C-alpha atoms as a PDB file:
ATOM      1  CA  MET A   1     156.304 111.374 119.126  1.00  0.00           C
ATOM      2  CA  PRO A   2     153.199 109.202 118.584  1.00  0.00           C
ATOM      3  CA  ALA A   3     151.749 107.342 121.555  1.00  0.00           C
ATOM      4  CA  ARG A   4     152.585 103.646 121.661  1.00  0.00           C
ATOM      5  CA  ARG A   5     149.936 101.022 122.105  1.00  0.00           C
ATOM      6  CA  ALA A   6     150.308  98.630 124.992  1.00  0.00           C
ATOM      7  CA  ALA A   7     151.244  95.186 123.728  1.00  0.00           C
ATOM      8  CA  PRO A   8     149.461  92.191 125.236  1.00  0.00           C
ATOM      9  CA  LEU A   9     151.770  90.130 127.417  1.00  0.00           C
ATOM     10  CA  TRP A  10     150.937  86.828 125.741  1.00  0.00           C
ATOM     11  CA  PRO A  11     149.189  85.772 122.556  1.00  0.00           C
ATOM     12  CA  PRO A  12     145.733  84.267 123.000  1.00  0.00           C
ATOM     13  CA  ARG A  13     145.520  80.613 123.983  1.00  0.00           C
ATOM     14  CA  ASP A  14     144.593  78.796 120.799  1.00  0.00           C
ATOM     15  CA  GLY A  15     145.803  76.131 118.394  1.00  0.00           C
ATOM     16  CA  ASP A  16     148.473  78.446 116.962  1.00  0.00           C
ATOM     17  CA  HIS A  17     150.263  79.115 120.262  1.00  0.00           C
ATOM     18  CA  MET A  18     151.875  76.658 122.674  1.00  0.00           C
ATOM     19  CA  LEU A  19     153.620  77.221 125.978  1.00  0.00           C
ATOM     20  CA  VAL A  20     156.247  74.535 126.549  1.00  0.00           C
ATOM     21  CA  SER A  21     159.122  73.946 128.940  1.00  0.00           C
ATOM     22  CA  GLY A  22     162.748  74.181 127.858  1.00  0.00           C
ATOM     23  CA  ALA A  23     163.024  70.392 127.737  1.00  0.00           C
ATOM     24  CA  GLN A  24     159.858  70.122 125.649  1.00  0.00           C
ATOM     25  CA  MET A  25     161.154  72.779 123.230  1.00  0.00           C
ATOM     26  CA  ALA A  26     164.459  70.943 122.877  1.00  0.00           C
ATOM     27  CA  ALA A  27     162.575  67.729 122.053  1.00  0.00           C
ATOM     28  CA  LEU A  28     160.380  69.541 119.507  1.00  0.00           C
ATOM     29  CA  GLU A  29     163.439  71.089 117.851  1.00  0.00           C
ATOM     30  CA  THR A  30     165.170  67.703 117.699  1.00  0.00           C
ATOM     31  CA  GLU A  31     162.128  66.249 115.929  1.00  0.00           C
ATOM     32  CA  LEU A  32     162.078  69.145 113.463  1.00  0.00           C
ATOM     33  CA  PHE A  33     165.785  68.890 112.672  1.00  0.00           C
ATOM     34  CA  ASP A  34     165.636  65.083 112.401  1.00  0.00           C
ATOM     35  CA  SER A  35     162.792  65.456 109.894  1.00  0.00           C
ATOM     36  CA  GLY A  36     165.035  67.602 107.691  1.00  0.00           C
ATOM     37  CA  LEU A  37     164.284  71.196 108.687  1.00  0.00           C
ATOM     38  CA  PRO A  38     167.546  73.181 108.641  1.00  0.00           C
ATOM     39  CA  VAL A  39     168.425  75.060 111.842  1.00  0.00           C
ATOM     40  CA  GLU A  40     168.695  78.259 109.799  1.00  0.00           C
ATOM     41  CA  ALA A  41     165.116  77.891 108.539  1.00  0.00           C
ATOM     42  CA  LEU A  42     163.762  77.620 112.083  1.00  0.00           C
ATOM     43  CA  MET A  43     165.773  80.666 113.186  1.00  0.00           C
ATOM     44  CA  GLU A  44     164.456  82.632 110.190  1.00  0.00           C
ATOM     45  CA  LYS A  45     160.865  81.701 111.079  1.00  0.00           C
ATOM     46  CA  ALA A  46     161.436  82.774 114.687  1.00  0.00           C
ATOM     47  CA  ALA A  47     162.980  86.101 113.660  1.00  0.00           C
ATOM     48  CA  LEU A  48     160.106  86.803 111.274  1.00  0.00           C
ATOM     49  CA  ALA A  49     157.553  86.079 114.005  1.00  0.00           C
ATOM     50  CA  VAL A  50     159.332  88.424 116.430  1.00  0.00           C
ATOM     51  CA  SER A  51     159.568  91.210 113.851  1.00  0.00           C
ATOM     52  CA  ARG A  52     155.868  90.867 112.982  1.00  0.00           C
ATOM     53  CA  ARG A  53     154.952  90.999 116.665  1.00  0.00           C
ATOM     54  CA  LEU A  54     157.051  94.126 117.206  1.00  0.00           C
ATOM     55  CA  LEU A  55     155.552  95.850 114.172  1.00  0.00           C
ATOM     56  CA  ALA A  56     152.031  94.974 115.317  1.00  0.00           C
ATOM     57  CA  SER A  57     152.585  96.263 118.831  1.00  0.00           C
ATOM     58  CA  HIS A  58     154.875  99.251 118.200  1.00  0.00           C
ATOM     59  CA  GLY A  59     154.446 100.173 114.555  1.00  0.00           C
ATOM     60  CA  ALA A  60     157.328 100.981 112.246  1.00  0.00           C
ATOM     61  CA  VAL A  61     158.962 103.368 114.753  1.00  0.00           C
ATOM     62  CA  LEU A  62     161.239 101.546 117.160  1.00  0.00           C
END
């Protein structure tokens, strides 16, 4: 079995990554949905981001 690389705990702090509270996330989601983004589209984007992160940190073998 190939050795696995250690994944960083958090992404780097930059303009592409935000750390928000639960209340802040709820407010952001409300704004997104009120602007017309379907819930399903946000969930798809989240799932894609998670799968990319897993592939980057663990490769294709999970």
